C-alpha atoms as a PDB file:
ATOM      1  CA  MET A   1      -6.633  42.071  10.320  1.00  0.00           C
ATOM      2  CA  ARG A   2      -6.199  38.403   8.519  1.00  0.00           C
ATOM      3  CA  ARG A   3      -3.713  36.103   8.643  1.00  0.00           C
ATOM      4  CA  ILE A   4      -2.418  34.586   5.427  1.00  0.00           C
ATOM      5  CA  LEU A   5      -1.311  31.632   4.617  1.00  0.00           C
ATOM      6  CA  THR A   6       0.675  30.052   1.599  1.00  0.00           C
ATOM      7  CA  CYS A   7       1.819  27.115   0.290  1.00  0.00           C
ATOM      8  CA  LEU A   8       4.554  25.728  -2.467  1.00  0.00           C
ATOM      9  CA  THR A   9       4.691  21.861  -2.673  1.00  0.00           C
ATOM     10  CA  VAL A  10       7.908  21.298  -5.274  1.00  0.00           C
ATOM     11  CA  GLY A  11       8.901  17.179  -5.586  1.00  0.00           C
ATOM     12  CA  GLY A  12       7.669  16.174  -2.252  1.00  0.00           C
ATOM     13  CA  LEU A  13       9.268  19.678  -0.528  1.00  0.00           C
ATOM     14  CA  THR A  14       6.313  22.199   0.835  1.00  0.00           C
ATOM     15  CA  LEU A  15       7.818  25.620   1.388  1.00  0.00           C
ATOM     16  CA  GLY A  16       5.349  28.696   1.927  1.00  0.00           C
ATOM     17  CA  GLY A  17       4.603  31.606   4.933  1.00  0.00           C
ATOM     18  CA  VAL A  18       2.712  33.038   7.502  1.00  0.00           C
ATOM     19  CA  GLY A  19       1.376  37.218   6.559  1.00  0.00           C
ATOM     20  CA  THR A  20      -0.796  39.469   7.058  1.00  0.00           C
ATOM     21  CA  ALA A  21      -2.746  41.645   4.608  1.00  0.00           C
ATOM     22  CA  GLY A  22      -2.347  45.384   5.799  1.00  0.00           C
ATOM     23  CA  TYR A  23      -1.156  48.373   3.937  1.00  0.00           C
ATOM     24  CA  ALA A  24       2.090  49.764   5.680  1.00  0.00           C
ATOM     25  CA  GLN A  25       5.090  48.768   4.055  1.00  0.00           C
ATOM     26  CA  THR A  26       8.067  48.361   5.082  1.00  0.00           C
ATOM     27  CA  ALA A  27      11.642  48.644   4.542  1.00  0.00           C
ATOM     28  CA  ALA A  28      13.131  45.210   4.490  1.00  0.00           C
ATOM     29  CA  PRO A  29      10.013  42.236   5.159  1.00  0.00           C
ATOM     30  CA  ALA A  30      10.235  40.086   7.734  1.00  0.00           C
ATOM     31  CA  PRO A  31      10.911  36.438   6.934  1.00  0.00           C
ATOM     32  CA  ALA A  32       7.605  34.194   7.636  1.00  0.00           C
ATOM     33  CA  PRO A  33       6.470  31.591  10.257  1.00  0.00           C
ATOM     34  CA  PRO A  34       6.590  27.900   7.582  1.00  0.00           C
ATOM     35  CA  ALA A  35       3.358  27.399   5.787  1.00  0.00           C
ATOM     36  CA  VAL A  36       0.157  24.890   7.436  1.00  0.00           C
ATOM     37  CA  ALA A  37       0.268  22.133   4.616  1.00  0.00           C
ATOM     38  CA  ALA A  38      -0.774  18.712   5.775  1.00  0.00           C
ATOM     39  CA  PRO A  39       0.939  15.749   6.094  1.00  0.00           C
ATOM     40  CA  ALA A  40       4.707  17.280   5.455  1.00  0.00           C
ATOM     41  CA  PRO A  41       5.702  20.705   7.009  1.00  0.00           C
ATOM     42  CA  ALA A  42       8.659  21.688   5.545  1.00  0.00           C
ATOM     43  CA  PRO A  43      12.031  22.134   7.108  1.00  0.00           C
ATOM     44  CA  ALA A  44      13.065  23.857  10.159  1.00  0.00           C
ATOM     45  CA  SER A  45      16.078  25.533   9.037  1.00  0.00           C
ATOM     46  CA  ALA A  46      14.227  27.089   6.098  1.00  0.00           C
ATOM     47  CA  ALA A  47      12.037  29.240   8.339  1.00  0.00           C
ATOM     48  CA  PRO A  48      11.578  30.566  11.160  1.00  0.00           C
ATOM     49  CA  ALA A  49       9.748  29.087  14.514  1.00  0.00           C
ATOM     50  CA  LYS A  50       5.372  29.181  13.800  1.00  0.00           C
ATOM     51  CA  THR A  51       3.648  31.530  16.887  1.00  0.00           C
ATOM     52  CA  PRO A  52       1.950  29.912  19.340  1.00  0.00           C
ATOM     53  CA  GLN A  53      -1.629  30.641  18.355  1.00  0.00           C
ATOM     54  CA  GLN A  54      -0.597  28.537  14.817  1.00  0.00           C
ATOM     55  CA  ALA A  55       1.053  25.755  16.617  1.00  0.00           C
ATOM     56  CA  LYS A  56      -1.908  25.247  18.987  1.00  0.00           C
ATOM     57  CA  ASP A  57      -4.255  25.936  15.726  1.00  0.00           C
ATOM     58  CA  GLU A  58      -2.679  23.824  13.302  1.00  0.00           C
ATOM     59  CA  SER A  59      -2.605  20.483  16.352  1.00  0.00           C
ATOM     60  CA  GLU A  60      -6.623  21.039  17.365  1.00  0.00           C
ATOM     61  CA  CYS A  61      -7.012  21.192  12.844  1.00  0.00           C
ATOM     62  CA  GLN A  62      -4.565  17.342  13.771  1.00  0.00           C
ATOM     63  CA  MET A  63      -6.767  16.677  16.391  1.00  0.00           C
ATOM     64  CA  ALA A  64     -10.001  17.381  15.179  1.00  0.00           C
ATOM     65  CA  ALA A  65      -8.861  15.766  10.819  1.00  0.00           C
ATOM     66  CA  THR A  66      -7.850  12.466  13.065  1.00  0.00           C
ATOM     67  CA  GLN A  67     -10.682  12.493  14.734  1.00  0.00           C
ATOM     68  CA  ALA A  68     -13.746  12.916  11.729  1.00  0.00           C
ATOM     69  CA  THR A  69     -11.120  10.257   8.872  1.00  0.00           C
ATOM     70  CA  GLY A  70      -9.608   7.619  11.476  1.00  0.00           C
ATOM     71  CA  TYR A  71      -6.420   8.417   9.911  1.00  0.00           C
ATOM     72  CA  ILE A  72      -3.441   8.448  11.058  1.00  0.00           C
ATOM     73  CA  PRO A  73      -0.876  10.697   9.125  1.00  0.00           C
ATOM     74  CA  PRO A  74       2.982   9.232   9.661  1.00  0.00           C
ATOM     75  CA  ALA A  75       5.049  11.648  11.802  1.00  0.00           C
ATOM     76  CA  PRO A  76       6.478  14.340  10.028  1.00  0.00           C
ATOM     77  CA  GLY A  77      10.102  12.901   8.315  1.00  0.00           C
ATOM     78  CA  ALA A  78       8.604   9.212   9.136  1.00  0.00           C
ATOM     79  CA  ALA A  79       8.261   7.382   5.732  1.00  0.00           C
ATOM     80  CA  PRO A  80       4.334   7.005   4.942  1.00  0.00           C
ATOM     81  CA  ALA A  81       3.159   3.028   6.487  1.00  0.00           C
ATOM     82  CA  GLN A  82       2.788   0.886   3.640  1.00  0.00           C
ATOM     83  CA  PRO A  83      -0.001  -1.773   3.329  1.00  0.00           C
ATOM     84  CA  ALA A  84       1.009  -5.191   4.925  1.00  0.00           C
ATOM     85  CA  GLN A  85       2.248  -7.372   2.385  1.00  0.00           C
ATOM     86  CA  ALA A  86       1.243 -10.912   1.786  1.00  0.00           C
ATOM     87  CA  ALA A  87       4.422 -13.621   2.852  1.00  0.00           C
ATOM     88  CA  PRO A  88       6.042 -15.171  -0.276  1.00  0.00           C
ATOM     89  CA  GLN A  89       6.005 -18.733  -0.263  1.00  0.00           C
ATOM     90  CA  GLY A  90       8.002 -21.520  -1.810  1.00  0.00           C
ATOM     91  CA  HIS A  91       9.247 -20.415  -5.055  1.00  0.00           C
ATOM     92  CA  HIS A  92       8.008 -23.723  -6.508  1.00  0.00           C
ATOM     93  CA  GLY A  93       5.590 -24.814  -3.120  1.00  0.00           C
ATOM     94  CA  GLN A  94       2.350 -25.271  -4.976  1.00  0.00           C
ATOM     95  CA  ARG A  95       3.578 -26.986  -7.982  1.00  0.00           C
ATOM     96  CA  LEU A  96       6.255 -29.063  -6.551  1.00  0.00           C
ATOM     97  CA  GLY A  97       2.641 -29.877  -4.454  1.00  0.00           C
ATOM     98  CA  GLY A  98       0.527 -29.831  -7.464  1.00  0.00           C
ATOM     99  CA  ALA A  99       3.078 -32.738  -8.981  1.00  0.00           C
ATOM    100  CA  ALA A 100       2.807 -35.352  -6.058  1.00  0.00           C
ATOM    101  CA  ARG A 101      -1.181 -34.833  -6.121  1.00  0.00           C
ATOM    102  CA  GLY A 102      -1.089 -35.962  -9.716  1.00  0.00           C
ATOM    103  CA  ALA A 103       1.307 -38.417  -9.183  1.00  0.00           C
ATOM    104  CA  ALA A 104      -0.477 -40.131  -6.677  1.00  0.00           C
ATOM    105  CA  ALA A 105      -4.111 -39.423  -8.176  1.00  0.00           C
ATOM    106  CA  GLY A 106      -1.904 -41.373 -11.715  1.00  0.00           C
ATOM    107  CA  ALA A 107      -0.494 -44.277  -9.676  1.00  0.00           C
ATOM    108  CA  VAL A 108      -3.947 -45.017  -8.417  1.00  0.00           C
ATOM    109  CA  VAL A 109      -5.666 -44.890 -12.014  1.00  0.00           C
ATOM    110  CA  ALA A 110      -2.805 -46.777 -13.527  1.00  0.00           C
ATOM    111  CA  GLU A 111      -3.303 -49.212 -10.328  1.00  0.00           C
ATOM    112  CA  VAL A 112      -6.944 -49.407 -10.904  1.00  0.00           C
ATOM    113  CA  GLN A 113      -6.280 -49.742 -15.019  1.00  0.00           C
ATOM    114  CA  ASP A 114      -3.783 -52.606 -14.427  1.00  0.00           C
ATOM    115  CA  ASN A 115      -6.098 -55.447 -13.005  1.00  0.00           C
ATOM    116  CA  ASN A 116      -8.284 -54.655 -16.568  1.00  0.00           C
ATOM    117  CA  TYR A 117      -4.575 -56.297 -18.525  1.00  0.00           C
ATOM    118  CA  PRO A 118      -3.996 -59.115 -15.924  1.00  0.00           C
ATOM    119  CA  ASN A 119      -2.881 -60.949 -18.663  1.00  0.00           C
ATOM    120  CA  ALA A 120      -0.580 -57.810 -20.378  1.00  0.00           C
ATOM    121  CA  PRO A 121       3.378 -58.950 -20.171  1.00  0.00           C
ATOM    122  CA  GLY A 122       4.785 -56.811 -16.332  1.00  0.00           C
ATOM    123  CA  GLU A 123       7.762 -54.801 -17.991  1.00  0.00           C
ATOM    124  CA  VAL A 124       4.671 -53.388 -20.296  1.00  0.00           C
ATOM    125  CA  LYS A 125       2.433 -53.031 -16.581  1.00  0.00           C
ATOM    126  CA  ASP A 126       5.624 -50.861 -15.451  1.00  0.00           C
ATOM    127  CA  GLU A 127       6.218 -49.138 -17.992  1.00  0.00           C
ATOM    128  CA  TYR A 128       1.654 -47.953 -18.440  1.00  0.00           C
ATOM    129  CA  ARG A 129       2.607 -47.439 -14.480  1.00  0.00           C
ATOM    130  CA  GLU A 130       5.395 -44.675 -15.432  1.00  0.00           C
ATOM    131  CA  ASN A 131       3.510 -43.399 -18.098  1.00  0.00           C
ATOM    132  CA  GLN A 132       0.572 -42.418 -15.195  1.00  0.00           C
ATOM    133  CA  VAL A 133       2.789 -41.205 -12.852  1.00  0.00           C
ATOM    134  CA  GLN A 134       4.844 -39.259 -15.563  1.00  0.00           C
ATOM    135  CA  THR A 135       1.094 -37.524 -16.587  1.00  0.00           C
ATOM    136  CA  GLY A 136      -0.218 -36.788 -13.563  1.00  0.00           C
ATOM    137  CA  ALA A 137       2.768 -35.394 -11.689  1.00  0.00           C
ATOM    138  CA  ALA A 138       2.586 -33.157 -14.663  1.00  0.00           C
ATOM    139  CA  VAL A 139      -0.694 -32.048 -15.071  1.00  0.00           C
ATOM    140  CA  GLY A 140      -0.507 -31.726 -11.522  1.00  0.00           C
ATOM    141  CA  MET A 141       2.564 -29.424 -11.991  1.00  0.00           C
ATOM    142  CA  MET A 142       0.656 -27.010 -14.671  1.00  0.00           C
ATOM    143  CA  ALA A 143      -2.034 -26.816 -12.101  1.00  0.00           C
ATOM    144  CA  GLY A 144      -1.003 -26.499  -9.112  1.00  0.00           C
ATOM    145  CA  GLY A 145       1.205 -22.854 -10.888  1.00  0.00           C
ATOM    146  CA  ALA A 146      -2.359 -21.991 -12.206  1.00  0.00           C
ATOM    147  CA  ARG A 147      -2.896 -22.166  -8.657  1.00  0.00           C
ATOM    148  CA  LYS A 148       0.039 -20.104  -7.653  1.00  0.00           C
ATOM    149  CA  ARG A 149      -0.360 -17.367 -10.463  1.00  0.00           C
ATOM    150  CA  GLN A 150      -3.317 -17.144  -9.339  1.00  0.00           C
ATOM    151  CA  ASP A 151      -3.154 -16.819  -5.745  1.00  0.00           C
ATOM    152  CA  ARG A 152      -0.838 -14.204  -7.016  1.00  0.00           C
ATOM    153  CA  ARG A 153      -3.367 -12.121  -8.981  1.00  0.00           C
ATOM    154  CA  GLN A 154      -5.837 -12.114  -5.960  1.00  0.00           C
ATOM    155  CA  SER A 155      -2.787 -11.079  -3.747  1.00  0.00           C
ATOM    156  CA  MET A 156      -1.883  -8.100  -5.798  1.00  0.00           C
ATOM    157  CA  ALA A 157      -5.558  -7.041  -6.210  1.00  0.00           C
ATOM    158  CA  ALA A 158      -5.939  -6.693  -2.298  1.00  0.00           C
ATOM    159  CA  GLN A 159      -2.559  -4.812  -1.687  1.00  0.00           C
ATOM    160  CA  GLN A 160      -4.218  -2.214  -5.310  1.00  0.00           C
ATOM    161  CA  GLN A 161      -7.262  -1.775  -2.858  1.00  0.00           C
ATOM    162  CA  ALA A 162      -5.321  -1.112   0.195  1.00  0.00           C
ATOM    163  CA  GLN A 163      -3.183   1.149  -1.325  1.00  0.00           C
ATOM    164  CA  ALA A 164      -6.626   2.577  -2.561  1.00  0.00           C
ATOM    165  CA  GLN A 165      -8.161   2.814   0.830  1.00  0.00           C
ATOM    166  CA  ALA A 166      -5.437   4.576   2.699  1.00  0.00           C
ATOM    167  CA  ALA A 167      -4.815   7.339  -0.339  1.00  0.00           C
ATOM    168  CA  GLN A 168      -8.890   7.716   0.166  1.00  0.00           C
ATOM    169  CA  LYS A 169      -7.762   8.124   3.641  1.00  0.00           C
ATOM    170  CA  GLN A 170      -5.748  10.157   3.209  1.00  0.00           C
ATOM    171  CA  GLN A 171      -6.974  12.275   0.958  1.00  0.00           C
ATOM    172  CA  ALA A 172     -10.451  13.053   3.692  1.00  0.00           C
ATOM    173  CA  TRP A 173      -7.859  14.274   6.258  1.00  0.00           C
ATOM    174  CA  THR A 174      -5.905  16.287   4.022  1.00  0.00           C
ATOM    175  CA  GLN A 175      -9.460  18.153   3.196  1.00  0.00           C
ATOM    176  CA  THR A 176     -10.349  18.260   7.053  1.00  0.00           C
ATOM    177  CA  TYR A 177      -7.623  19.868   7.835  1.00  0.00           C
ATOM    178  CA  LYS A 178      -7.089  22.209   5.515  1.00  0.00           C
ATOM    179  CA  GLY A 179     -10.888  22.983   6.053  1.00  0.00           C
ATOM    180  CA  CYS A 180     -10.749  23.762   9.708  1.00  0.00           C
ATOM    181  CA  LEU A 181      -7.652  25.466   9.104  1.00  0.00           C
ATOM    182  CA  THR A 182      -9.141  28.041   6.409  1.00  0.00           C
ATOM    183  CA  GLN A 183     -12.550  28.037   9.258  1.00  0.00           C
ATOM    184  CA  ARG A 184      -9.661  30.095  11.453  1.00  0.00           C
ATOM    185  CA  GLY A 185      -8.293  31.981   9.263  1.00  0.00           C
ATOM    186  CA  TYR A 186      -5.667  30.619   7.049  1.00  0.00           C
ATOM    187  CA  LYS A 187      -5.449  30.629   3.705  1.00  0.00           C
ATOM    188  CA  VAL A 188      -4.314  27.220   2.638  1.00  0.00           C
ATOM    189  CA  GLY A 189      -2.796  26.691  -0.571  1.00  0.00           C
END
């Protein structure tokens, strides 16, 4: 007899059963064992227990798929692993640092240019220094903000790439797992 495995996935819940192909009819069909689907099995209360051979085949196929792809599926009922995210930096850390560097640069520029006008009154020199410091702080703050946005874009791109790689590994694992079960005579849907 040939074993047939059917699966139906609805909203992340996998349902199905295993049966045998034959011509005999019975008055009432016997409940079928749970479907083999990767990686989330049907709840235990929804279907009867698996046969020992089916459990062995599933286990061997899971190990073979893991060895072939390097992907380790999450345990049943566990949430899928999320890629590590970079720790968020302070809200205004880069902008504040940029403003401080810009203010320092503005003060240096003002001091250097102050030597060009030795006869100017002290109040004018002080006002000029303040303006240079404020201008430097504003420019530094904008540069720090731009640096923060660039860092955020790079972090998001790296995170998206990691998610895509994880999805590819999971897909390769699922294909390998289903192929293994198919070779053992199960029909995987």
